[in-house]
Amino acid sequence: MSRFFATNCFQIQNPIRCGTAGRSTVTGQLIHYVDIGVLKNTAITERVNTQFRAEFFNFPNHPQWNPPNRFVDQAAFGQINGARDPRIVQFALKVLF
């Protein structure tokens, strides 16, 4: 993404001045993670059980963008240069005795 916000509204200030922008003026998009876990317990005998587990992180697999670069003195100021983790799936099988 080339520019996430209007970068021409910002300029490098004199080191003595603090500027007029408030704290946390530049923020990224909201992060919406949906994690799901499903498990199934099965009794094999009276003393032996198994558990199958499936876990899905970022289940809908929507792109979650990293925050924009917030440093005015860098060439990539205002750019989003990547995404967070995609969907991650893990399975587990446990034997309890």
PDB file of N, CA and C in Angstrom:
ATOM      1  N   MET A   1       0.860  -1.165   0.000  1.00  0.00           N
ATOM      2  CA  MET A   1       0.000   0.000   0.000  1.00  0.00           C
ATOM      3  C   MET A   1       0.905   1.226   0.000  1.00  0.00           C
ATOM      4  N   SER A   2       0.738   2.129  -0.945  1.00  0.00           N
ATOM      5  CA  SER A   2       1.679   3.233  -1.091  1.00  0.00           C
ATOM      6  C   SER A   2       1.562   4.248   0.054  1.00  0.00           C
ATOM      7  N   ARG A   3       0.387   4.750   0.348  1.00  0.00           N
ATOM      8  CA  ARG A   3       0.213   5.689   1.455  1.00  0.00           C
ATOM      9  C   ARG A   3      -1.094   5.355   2.170  1.00  0.00           C
ATOM     10  N   PHE A   4      -1.007   5.108   3.473  1.00  0.00           N
ATOM     11  CA  PHE A   4      -2.186   4.769   4.262  1.00  0.00           C
ATOM     12  C   PHE A   4      -2.908   6.020   4.752  1.00  0.00           C
ATOM     13  N   PHE A   5      -2.178   7.126   4.878  1.00  0.00           N
ATOM     14  CA  PHE A   5      -2.764   8.387   5.320  1.00  0.00           C
ATOM     15  C   PHE A   5      -2.049   9.521   4.585  1.00  0.00           C
ATOM     16  N   ALA A   6      -2.547  10.732   4.729  1.00  0.00           N
ATOM     17  CA  ALA A   6      -1.977  11.894   4.038  1.00  0.00           C
ATOM     18  C   ALA A   6      -0.663  12.280   4.712  1.00  0.00           C
ATOM     19  N   THR A   7       0.455  11.894   4.103  1.00  0.00           N
ATOM     20  CA  THR A   7       1.760  12.148   4.702  1.00  0.00           C
ATOM     21  C   THR A   7       2.200  13.597   4.552  1.00  0.00           C
ATOM     22  N   ASN A   8       1.577  14.350   3.646  1.00  0.00           N
ATOM     23  CA  ASN A   8       1.965  15.752   3.464  1.00  0.00           C
ATOM     24  C   ASN A   8       1.504  16.631   4.629  1.00  0.00           C
ATOM     25  N   CYS A   9       0.726  16.095   5.547  1.00  0.00           N
ATOM     26  CA  CYS A   9       0.293  16.841   6.733  1.00  0.00           C
ATOM     27  C   CYS A   9       1.362  16.862   7.821  1.00  0.00           C
ATOM     28  N   PHE A  10       2.439  16.104   7.650  1.00  0.00           N
ATOM     29  CA  PHE A  10       3.489  15.988   8.651  1.00  0.00           C
ATOM     30  C   PHE A  10       4.799  16.509   8.084  1.00  0.00           C
ATOM     31  N   GLN A  11       5.625  17.080   8.949  1.00  0.00           N
ATOM     32  CA  GLN A  11       6.950  17.521   8.548  1.00  0.00           C
ATOM     33  C   GLN A  11       7.905  17.343   9.721  1.00  0.00           C
ATOM     34  N   ILE A  12       9.202  17.266   9.417  1.00  0.00           N
ATOM     35  CA  ILE A  12      10.215  17.108  10.467  1.00  0.00           C
ATOM     36  C   ILE A  12      10.326  18.422  11.231  1.00  0.00           C
ATOM     37  N   GLN A  13      10.262  18.333  12.552  1.00  0.00           N
ATOM     38  CA  GLN A  13      10.284  19.522  13.401  1.00  0.00           C
ATOM     39  C   GLN A  13      11.699  19.818  13.898  1.00  0.00           C
ATOM     40  N   ASN A  14      11.868  21.023  14.326  1.00  0.00           N
ATOM     41  CA  ASN A  14      13.072  21.446  15.017  1.00  0.00           C
ATOM     42  C   ASN A  14      13.218  20.583  16.278  1.00  0.00           C
ATOM     43  N   PRO A  15      14.428  20.152  16.658  1.00  0.00           N
ATOM     44  CA  PRO A  15      14.565  19.291  17.840  1.00  0.00           C
ATOM     45  C   PRO A  15      14.060  19.918  19.134  1.00  0.00           C
ATOM     46  N   ILE A  16      13.992  21.234  19.191  1.00  0.00           N
ATOM     47  CA  ILE A  16      13.536  21.915  20.402  1.00  0.00           C
ATOM     48  C   ILE A  16      12.013  21.882  20.501  1.00  0.00           C
ATOM     49  N   ARG A  17      11.326  21.923  19.366  1.00  0.00           N
ATOM     50  CA  ARG A  17       9.856  21.933  19.362  1.00  0.00           C
ATOM     51  C   ARG A  17       9.302  20.525  19.417  1.00  0.00           C
ATOM     52  N   CYS A  18       8.136  20.372  19.988  1.00  0.00           N
ATOM     53  CA  CYS A  18       7.474  19.066  20.048  1.00  0.00           C
ATOM     54  C   CYS A  18       6.482  18.870  18.920  1.00  0.00           C
ATOM     55  N   GLY A  19       6.046  19.924  18.264  1.00  0.00           N
ATOM     56  CA  GLY A  19       5.042  19.808  17.215  1.00  0.00           C
ATOM     57  C   GLY A  19       3.647  19.938  17.793  1.00  0.00           C
ATOM     58  N   THR A  20       2.640  19.862  16.921  1.00  0.00           N
ATOM     59  CA  THR A  20       1.264  20.061  17.374  1.00  0.00           C
ATOM     60  C   THR A  20       0.408  18.811  17.261  1.00  0.00           C
ATOM     61  N   ALA A  21       0.963  17.726  16.758  1.00  0.00           N
ATOM     62  CA  ALA A  21       0.184  16.486  16.626  1.00  0.00           C
ATOM     63  C   ALA A  21       0.049  15.823  17.999  1.00  0.00           C
ATOM     64  N   GLY A  22      -1.119  15.269  18.251  1.00  0.00           N
ATOM     65  CA  GLY A  22      -1.352  14.586  19.511  1.00  0.00           C
ATOM     66  C   GLY A  22      -0.686  13.220  19.556  1.00  0.00           C
ATOM     67  N   ARG A  23      -0.734  12.622  20.718  1.00  0.00           N
ATOM     68  CA  ARG A  23      -0.149  11.296  20.893  1.00  0.00           C
ATOM     69  C   ARG A  23      -1.001  10.256  20.169  1.00  0.00           C
ATOM     70  N   SER A  24      -0.362   9.283  19.561  1.00  0.00           N
ATOM     71  CA  SER A  24      -1.031   8.190  18.830  1.00  0.00           C
ATOM     72  C   SER A  24      -1.932   8.725  17.720  1.00  0.00           C
ATOM     73  N   THR A  25      -1.475   9.743  17.025  1.00  0.00           N
ATOM     74  CA  THR A  25      -2.246  10.313  15.923  1.00  0.00           C
ATOM     75  C   THR A  25      -2.310   9.351  14.750  1.00  0.00           C
ATOM     76  N   VAL A  26      -1.234   8.629  14.510  1.00  0.00           N
ATOM     77  CA  VAL A  26      -1.160   7.699  13.383  1.00  0.00           C
ATOM     78  C   VAL A  26      -1.357   6.285  13.917  1.00  0.00           C
ATOM     79  N   THR A  27      -2.453   5.667  13.527  1.00  0.00           N
ATOM     80  CA  THR A  27      -2.723   4.287  13.920  1.00  0.00           C
ATOM     81  C   THR A  27      -3.080   3.486  12.678  1.00  0.00           C
ATOM     82  N   GLY A  28      -3.003   2.186  12.784  1.00  0.00           N
ATOM     83  CA  GLY A  28      -3.347   1.308  11.669  1.00  0.00           C
ATOM     84  C   GLY A  28      -4.804   0.882  11.737  1.00  0.00           C
ATOM     85  N   GLN A  29      -5.122  -0.111  10.946  1.00  0.00           N
ATOM     86  CA  GLN A  29      -6.481  -0.638  10.922  1.00  0.00           C
ATOM     87  C   GLN A  29      -6.733  -1.489  12.159  1.00  0.00           C
ATOM     88  N   LEU A  30      -8.006  -1.711  12.448  1.00  0.00           N
ATOM     89  CA  LEU A  30      -8.364  -2.592  13.556  1.00  0.00           C
ATOM     90  C   LEU A  30      -7.963  -4.025  13.223  1.00  0.00           C
ATOM     91  N   ILE A  31      -7.680  -4.793  14.244  1.00  0.00           N
ATOM     92  CA  ILE A  31      -7.304  -6.192  14.069  1.00  0.00           C
ATOM     93  C   ILE A  31      -8.473  -7.051  14.524  1.00  0.00           C
ATOM     94  N   HIS A  32      -8.932  -7.916  13.641  1.00  0.00           N
ATOM     95  CA  HIS A  32     -10.041  -8.812  13.945  1.00  0.00           C
ATOM     96  C   HIS A  32      -9.565 -10.247  13.806  1.00  0.00           C
ATOM     97  N   TYR A  33      -9.233 -10.856  14.913  1.00  0.00           N
ATOM     98  CA  TYR A  33      -8.839 -12.260  14.893  1.00  0.00           C
ATOM     99  C   TYR A  33      -9.981 -13.105  15.422  1.00  0.00           C
ATOM    100  N   VAL A  34     -10.259 -14.197  14.764  1.00  0.00           N
ATOM    101  CA  VAL A  34     -11.230 -15.185  15.237  1.00  0.00           C
ATOM    102  C   VAL A  34     -10.484 -16.505  15.342  1.00  0.00           C
ATOM    103  N   ASP A  35     -10.328 -17.002  16.567  1.00  0.00           N
ATOM    104  CA  ASP A  35      -9.655 -18.263  16.808  1.00  0.00           C
ATOM    105  C   ASP A  35     -10.693 -19.292  17.227  1.00  0.00           C
ATOM    106  N   ILE A  36     -10.585 -20.501  16.684  1.00  0.00           N
ATOM    107  CA  ILE A  36     -11.548 -21.568  16.974  1.00  0.00           C
ATOM    108  C   ILE A  36     -10.774 -22.820  17.377  1.00  0.00           C
ATOM    109  N   GLY A  37     -11.269 -23.491  18.389  1.00  0.00           N
ATOM    110  CA  GLY A  37     -10.696 -24.765  18.805  1.00  0.00           C
ATOM    111  C   GLY A  37     -11.802 -25.794  18.957  1.00  0.00           C
ATOM    112  N   VAL A  38     -11.583 -26.984  18.419  1.00  0.00           N
ATOM    113  CA  VAL A  38     -12.566 -28.069  18.486  1.00  0.00           C
ATOM    114  C   VAL A  38     -11.852 -29.302  19.029  1.00  0.00           C
ATOM    115  N   LEU A  39     -12.481 -29.988  19.966  1.00  0.00           N
ATOM    116  CA  LEU A  39     -11.865 -31.209  20.467  1.00  0.00           C
ATOM    117  C   LEU A  39     -12.908 -32.299  20.646  1.00  0.00           C
ATOM    118  N   LYS A  40     -12.426 -33.540  20.563  1.00  0.00           N
ATOM    119  CA  LYS A  40     -13.292 -34.717  20.689  1.00  0.00           C
ATOM    120  C   LYS A  40     -12.593 -35.700  21.615  1.00  0.00           C
ATOM    121  N   ASN A  41     -13.249 -36.050  22.722  1.00  0.00           N
ATOM    122  CA  ASN A  41     -12.751 -37.058  23.642  1.00  0.00           C
ATOM    123  C   ASN A  41     -13.419 -38.389  23.322  1.00  0.00           C
ATOM    124  N   THR A  42     -12.630 -39.461  23.268  1.00  0.00           N
ATOM    125  CA  THR A  42     -13.142 -40.795  22.972  1.00  0.00           C
ATOM    126  C   THR A  42     -12.567 -41.776  23.982  1.00  0.00           C
ATOM    127  N   ALA A  43     -13.457 -42.555  24.616  1.00  0.00           N
ATOM    128  CA  ALA A  43     -13.015 -43.580  25.560  1.00  0.00           C
ATOM    129  C   ALA A  43     -12.750 -44.872  24.791  1.00  0.00           C
ATOM    130  N   ILE A  44     -11.522 -45.375  24.874  1.00  0.00           N
ATOM    131  CA  ILE A  44     -11.169 -46.631  24.218  1.00  0.00           C
ATOM    132  C   ILE A  44     -11.461 -47.797  25.161  1.00  0.00           C
ATOM    133  N   THR A  45     -10.953 -47.698  26.359  1.00  0.00           N
ATOM    134  CA  THR A  45     -11.293 -48.651  27.429  1.00  0.00           C
ATOM    135  C   THR A  45     -11.654 -47.824  28.646  1.00  0.00           C
ATOM    136  N   GLU A  46     -11.823 -48.516  29.778  1.00  0.00           N
ATOM    137  CA  GLU A  46     -12.203 -47.799  30.993  1.00  0.00           C
ATOM    138  C   GLU A  46     -11.099 -46.856  31.454  1.00  0.00           C
ATOM    139  N   ARG A  47      -9.829 -47.233  31.209  1.00  0.00           N
ATOM    140  CA  ARG A  47      -8.708 -46.427  31.686  1.00  0.00           C
ATOM    141  C   ARG A  47      -7.992 -45.657  30.576  1.00  0.00           C
ATOM    142  N   VAL A  48      -8.262 -45.946  29.327  1.00  0.00           N
ATOM    143  CA  VAL A  48      -7.551 -45.311  28.218  1.00  0.00           C
ATOM    144  C   VAL A  48      -8.531 -44.437  27.419  1.00  0.00           C
ATOM    145  N   ASN A  49      -8.139 -43.179  27.262  1.00  0.00           N
ATOM    146  CA  ASN A  49      -8.940 -42.218  26.492  1.00  0.00           C
ATOM    147  C   ASN A  49      -8.049 -41.561  25.445  1.00  0.00           C
ATOM    148  N   THR A  50      -8.668 -41.106  24.382  1.00  0.00           N
ATOM    149  CA  THR A  50      -7.950 -40.316  23.389  1.00  0.00           C
ATOM    150  C   THR A  50      -8.642 -38.968  23.244  1.00  0.00           C
ATOM    151  N   GLN A  51      -7.862 -38.005  22.866  1.00  0.00           N
ATOM    152  CA  GLN A  51      -8.402 -36.674  22.625  1.00  0.00           C
ATOM    153  C   GLN A  51      -7.834 -36.172  21.300  1.00  0.00           C
ATOM    154  N   PHE A  52      -8.715 -35.814  20.375  1.00  0.00           N
ATOM    155  CA  PHE A  52      -8.311 -35.205  19.111  1.00  0.00           C
ATOM    156  C   PHE A  52      -8.663 -33.733  19.185  1.00  0.00           C
ATOM    157  N   ARG A  53      -7.718 -32.898  18.810  1.00  0.00           N
ATOM    158  CA  ARG A  53      -7.922 -31.455  18.911  1.00  0.00           C
ATOM    159  C   ARG A  53      -7.528 -30.796  17.595  1.00  0.00           C
ATOM    160  N   ALA A  54      -8.343 -29.852  17.145  1.00  0.00           N
ATOM    161  CA  ALA A  54      -8.029 -29.033  15.967  1.00  0.00           C
ATOM    162  C   ALA A  54      -8.172 -27.572  16.379  1.00  0.00           C
ATOM    163  N   GLU A  55      -7.142 -26.783  16.100  1.00  0.00           N
ATOM    164  CA  GLU A  55      -7.159 -25.365  16.445  1.00  0.00           C
ATOM    165  C   GLU A  55      -6.883 -24.542  15.199  1.00  0.00           C
ATOM    166  N   PHE A  56      -7.678 -23.496  15.009  1.00  0.00           N
ATOM    167  CA  PHE A  56      -7.573 -22.622  13.842  1.00  0.00           C
ATOM    168  C   PHE A  56      -7.364 -21.198  14.345  1.00  0.00           C
ATOM    169  N   PHE A  57      -6.232 -20.607  14.001  1.00  0.00           N
ATOM    170  CA  PHE A  57      -5.935 -19.230  14.371  1.00  0.00           C
ATOM    171  C   PHE A  57      -6.140 -18.361  13.134  1.00  0.00           C
ATOM    172  N   ASN A  58      -6.826 -17.230  13.307  1.00  0.00           N
ATOM    173  CA  ASN A  58      -7.251 -16.356  12.197  1.00  0.00           C
ATOM    174  C   ASN A  58      -8.123 -17.172  11.235  1.00  0.00           C
ATOM    175  N   PHE A  59      -9.160 -17.755  11.781  1.00  0.00           N
ATOM    176  CA  PHE A  59     -10.013 -18.702  11.060  1.00  0.00           C
ATOM    177  C   PHE A  59     -10.558 -18.175   9.736  1.00  0.00           C
ATOM    178  N   PRO A  60     -11.162 -16.969   9.661  1.00  0.00           N
ATOM    179  CA  PRO A  60     -11.689 -16.526   8.364  1.00  0.00           C
ATOM    180  C   PRO A  60     -10.603 -16.163   7.349  1.00  0.00           C
ATOM    181  N   ASN A  61      -9.356 -16.051   7.814  1.00  0.00           N
ATOM    182  CA  ASN A  61      -8.204 -15.756   6.954  1.00  0.00           C
ATOM    183  C   ASN A  61      -8.334 -14.406   6.252  1.00  0.00           C
ATOM    184  N   HIS A  62      -8.885 -13.416   6.964  1.00  0.00           N
ATOM    185  CA  HIS A  62      -8.927 -12.050   6.435  1.00  0.00           C
ATOM    186  C   HIS A  62      -7.535 -11.453   6.543  1.00  0.00           C
ATOM    187  N   PRO A  63      -7.125 -10.632   5.590  1.00  0.00           N
ATOM    188  CA  PRO A  63      -5.809 -10.012   5.716  1.00  0.00           C
ATOM    189  C   PRO A  63      -5.793  -9.034   6.885  1.00  0.00           C
ATOM    190  N   GLN A  64      -4.798  -9.153   7.719  1.00  0.00           N
ATOM    191  CA  GLN A  64      -4.597  -8.259   8.858  1.00  0.00           C
ATOM    192  C   GLN A  64      -3.310  -7.496   8.586  1.00  0.00           C
ATOM    193  N   TRP A  65      -3.413  -6.236   8.201  1.00  0.00           N
ATOM    194  CA  TRP A  65      -2.239  -5.462   7.787  1.00  0.00           C
ATOM    195  C   TRP A  65      -1.433  -4.993   8.985  1.00  0.00           C
ATOM    196  N   ASN A  66      -0.119  -4.920   8.803  1.00  0.00           N
ATOM    197  CA  ASN A  66       0.759  -4.340   9.815  1.00  0.00           C
ATOM    198  C   ASN A  66       0.468  -2.849   9.920  1.00  0.00           C
ATOM    199  N   PRO A  67       0.844  -2.208  11.022  1.00  0.00           N
ATOM    200  CA  PRO A  67       0.624  -0.754  11.117  1.00  0.00           C
ATOM    201  C   PRO A  67       1.518  -0.006  10.137  1.00  0.00           C
ATOM    202  N   PRO A  68       1.119   1.209   9.752  1.00  0.00           N
ATOM    203  CA  PRO A  68       1.947   1.984   8.818  1.00  0.00           C
ATOM    204  C   PRO A  68       3.231   2.474   9.489  1.00  0.00           C
ATOM    205  N   ASN A  69       4.235   2.748   8.684  1.00  0.00           N
ATOM    206  CA  ASN A  69       5.492   3.302   9.182  1.00  0.00           C
ATOM    207  C   ASN A  69       5.216   4.702   9.710  1.00  0.00           C
ATOM    208  N   ARG A  70       5.610   4.975  10.955  1.00  0.00           N
ATOM    209  CA  ARG A  70       5.271   6.240  11.602  1.00  0.00           C
ATOM    210  C   ARG A  70       6.449   7.184  11.757  1.00  0.00           C
ATOM    211  N   PHE A  71       7.567   6.890  11.124  1.00  0.00           N
ATOM    212  CA  PHE A  71       8.751   7.731  11.282  1.00  0.00           C
ATOM    213  C   PHE A  71       8.866   8.694  10.108  1.00  0.00           C
ATOM    214  N   VAL A  72       8.739   9.996  10.391  1.00  0.00           N
ATOM    215  CA  VAL A  72       8.679  11.027   9.355  1.00  0.00           C
ATOM    216  C   VAL A  72       9.965  11.089   8.535  1.00  0.00           C
ATOM    217  N   ASP A  73      11.098  10.771   9.147  1.00  0.00           N
ATOM    218  CA  ASP A  73      12.374  10.915   8.457  1.00  0.00           C
ATOM    219  C   ASP A  73      12.736   9.732   7.568  1.00  0.00           C
ATOM    220  N   GLN A  74      11.861   8.750   7.438  1.00  0.00           N
ATOM    221  CA  GLN A  74      12.139   7.590   6.593  1.00  0.00           C
ATOM    222  C   GLN A  74      11.365   7.680   5.279  1.00  0.00           C
ATOM    223  N   ALA A  75      11.924   7.072   4.233  1.00  0.00           N
ATOM    224  CA  ALA A  75      11.286   7.128   2.911  1.00  0.00           C
ATOM    225  C   ALA A  75       9.968   6.371   2.883  1.00  0.00           C
ATOM    226  N   ALA A  76       9.805   5.356   3.734  1.00  0.00           N
ATOM    227  CA  ALA A  76       8.587   4.548   3.745  1.00  0.00           C
ATOM    228  C   ALA A  76       7.526   5.115   4.692  1.00  0.00           C
ATOM    229  N   PHE A  77       7.633   6.386   5.071  1.00  0.00           N
ATOM    230  CA  PHE A  77       6.673   7.001   5.987  1.00  0.00           C
ATOM    231  C   PHE A  77       5.253   6.908   5.421  1.00  0.00           C
ATOM    232  N   GLY A  78       4.346   6.350   6.203  1.00  0.00           N
ATOM    233  CA  GLY A  78       2.948   6.235   5.809  1.00  0.00           C
ATOM    234  C   GLY A  78       2.622   4.986   5.016  1.00  0.00           C
ATOM    235  N   GLN A  79       3.611   4.143   4.756  1.00  0.00           N
ATOM    236  CA  GLN A  79       3.377   2.940   3.960  1.00  0.00           C
ATOM    237  C   GLN A  79       3.147   1.728   4.861  1.00  0.00           C
ATOM    238  N   ILE A  80       2.300   0.830   4.395  1.00  0.00           N
ATOM    239  CA  ILE A  80       2.096  -0.458   5.043  1.00  0.00           C
ATOM    240  C   ILE A  80       2.868  -1.482   4.221  1.00  0.00           C
ATOM    241  N   ASN A  81       3.817  -2.137   4.859  1.00  0.00           N
ATOM    242  CA  ASN A  81       4.730  -3.018   4.126  1.00  0.00           C
ATOM    243  C   ASN A  81       4.590  -4.476   4.541  1.00  0.00           C
ATOM    244  N   GLY A  82       3.390  -4.963   4.660  1.00  0.00           N
ATOM    245  CA  GLY A  82       3.240  -6.380   4.972  1.00  0.00           C
ATOM    246  C   GLY A  82       1.969  -6.659   5.731  1.00  0.00           C
ATOM    247  N   ALA A  83       1.770  -7.934   5.974  1.00  0.00           N
ATOM    248  CA  ALA A  83       0.582  -8.380   6.682  1.00  0.00           C
ATOM    249  C   ALA A  83       0.994  -9.238   7.870  1.00  0.00           C
ATOM    250  N   ARG A  84       0.071  -9.399   8.801  1.00  0.00           N
ATOM    251  CA  ARG A  84       0.321 -10.260   9.956  1.00  0.00           C
ATOM    252  C   ARG A  84       0.171 -11.715   9.543  1.00  0.00           C
ATOM    253  N   ASP A  85       0.222 -12.602  10.501  1.00  0.00           N
ATOM    254  CA  ASP A  85       0.188 -14.039  10.212  1.00  0.00           C
ATOM    255  C   ASP A  85      -1.086 -14.449   9.482  1.00  0.00           C
ATOM    256  N   PRO A  86      -0.969 -15.339   8.502  1.00  0.00           N
ATOM    257  CA  PRO A  86      -2.164 -15.880   7.840  1.00  0.00           C
ATOM    258  C   PRO A  86      -2.813 -16.940   8.733  1.00  0.00           C
ATOM    259  N   ARG A  87      -3.782 -17.642   8.201  1.00  0.00           N
ATOM    260  CA  ARG A  87      -4.439 -18.696   8.968  1.00  0.00           C
ATOM    261  C   ARG A  87      -3.408 -19.762   9.346  1.00  0.00           C
ATOM    262  N   ILE A  88      -3.461 -20.175  10.603  1.00  0.00           N
ATOM    263  CA  ILE A  88      -2.589 -21.244  11.100  1.00  0.00           C
ATOM    264  C   ILE A  88      -3.499 -22.337  11.644  1.00  0.00           C
ATOM    265  N   VAL A  89      -3.242 -23.585  11.213  1.00  0.00           N
ATOM    266  CA  VAL A  89      -4.040 -24.722  11.643  1.00  0.00           C
ATOM    267  C   VAL A  89      -3.104 -25.721  12.310  1.00  0.00           C
ATOM    268  N   GLN A  90      -3.530 -26.237  13.459  1.00  0.00           N
ATOM    269  CA  GLN A  90      -2.732 -27.289  14.090  1.00  0.00           C
ATOM    270  C   GLN A  90      -3.658 -28.370  14.615  1.00  0.00           C
ATOM    271  N   PHE A  91      -3.191 -29.592  14.490  1.00  0.00           N
ATOM    272  CA  PHE A  91      -3.926 -30.774  14.946  1.00  0.00           C
ATOM    273  C   PHE A  91      -3.108 -31.483  16.015  1.00  0.00           C
ATOM    274  N   ALA A  92      -3.803 -32.127  16.943  1.00  0.00           N
ATOM    275  CA  ALA A  92      -3.114 -32.880  17.994  1.00  0.00           C
ATOM    276  C   ALA A  92      -3.936 -34.104  18.349  1.00  0.00           C
ATOM    277  N   LEU A  93      -3.240 -35.169  18.668  1.00  0.00           N
ATOM    278  CA  LEU A  93      -3.871 -36.404  19.130  1.00  0.00           C
ATOM    279  C   LEU A  93      -3.165 -36.803  20.413  1.00  0.00           C
ATOM    280  N   LYS A  94      -3.935 -36.939  21.486  1.00  0.00           N
ATOM    281  CA  LYS A  94      -3.366 -37.237  22.795  1.00  0.00           C
ATOM    282  C   LYS A  94      -3.992 -38.530  23.319  1.00  0.00           C
ATOM    283  N   VAL A  95      -3.169 -39.394  23.884  1.00  0.00           N
ATOM    284  CA  VAL A  95      -3.640 -40.631  24.513  1.00  0.00           C
ATOM    285  C   VAL A  95      -3.466 -40.468  26.018  1.00  0.00           C
ATOM    286  N   LEU A  96      -4.561 -40.611  26.750  1.00  0.00           N
ATOM    287  CA  LEU A  96      -4.555 -40.483  28.218  1.00  0.00           C
ATOM    288  C   LEU A  96      -4.748 -41.861  28.836  1.00  0.00           C
ATOM    289  N   PHE A  97      -3.850 -42.252  29.731  1.00  0.00           N
ATOM    290  CA  PHE A  97      -4.003 -43.534  30.415  1.00  0.00           C
ATOM    291  C   PHE A  97      -3.580 -43.437  31.854  1.00  0.00           C
TER     292      PHE A  97
END
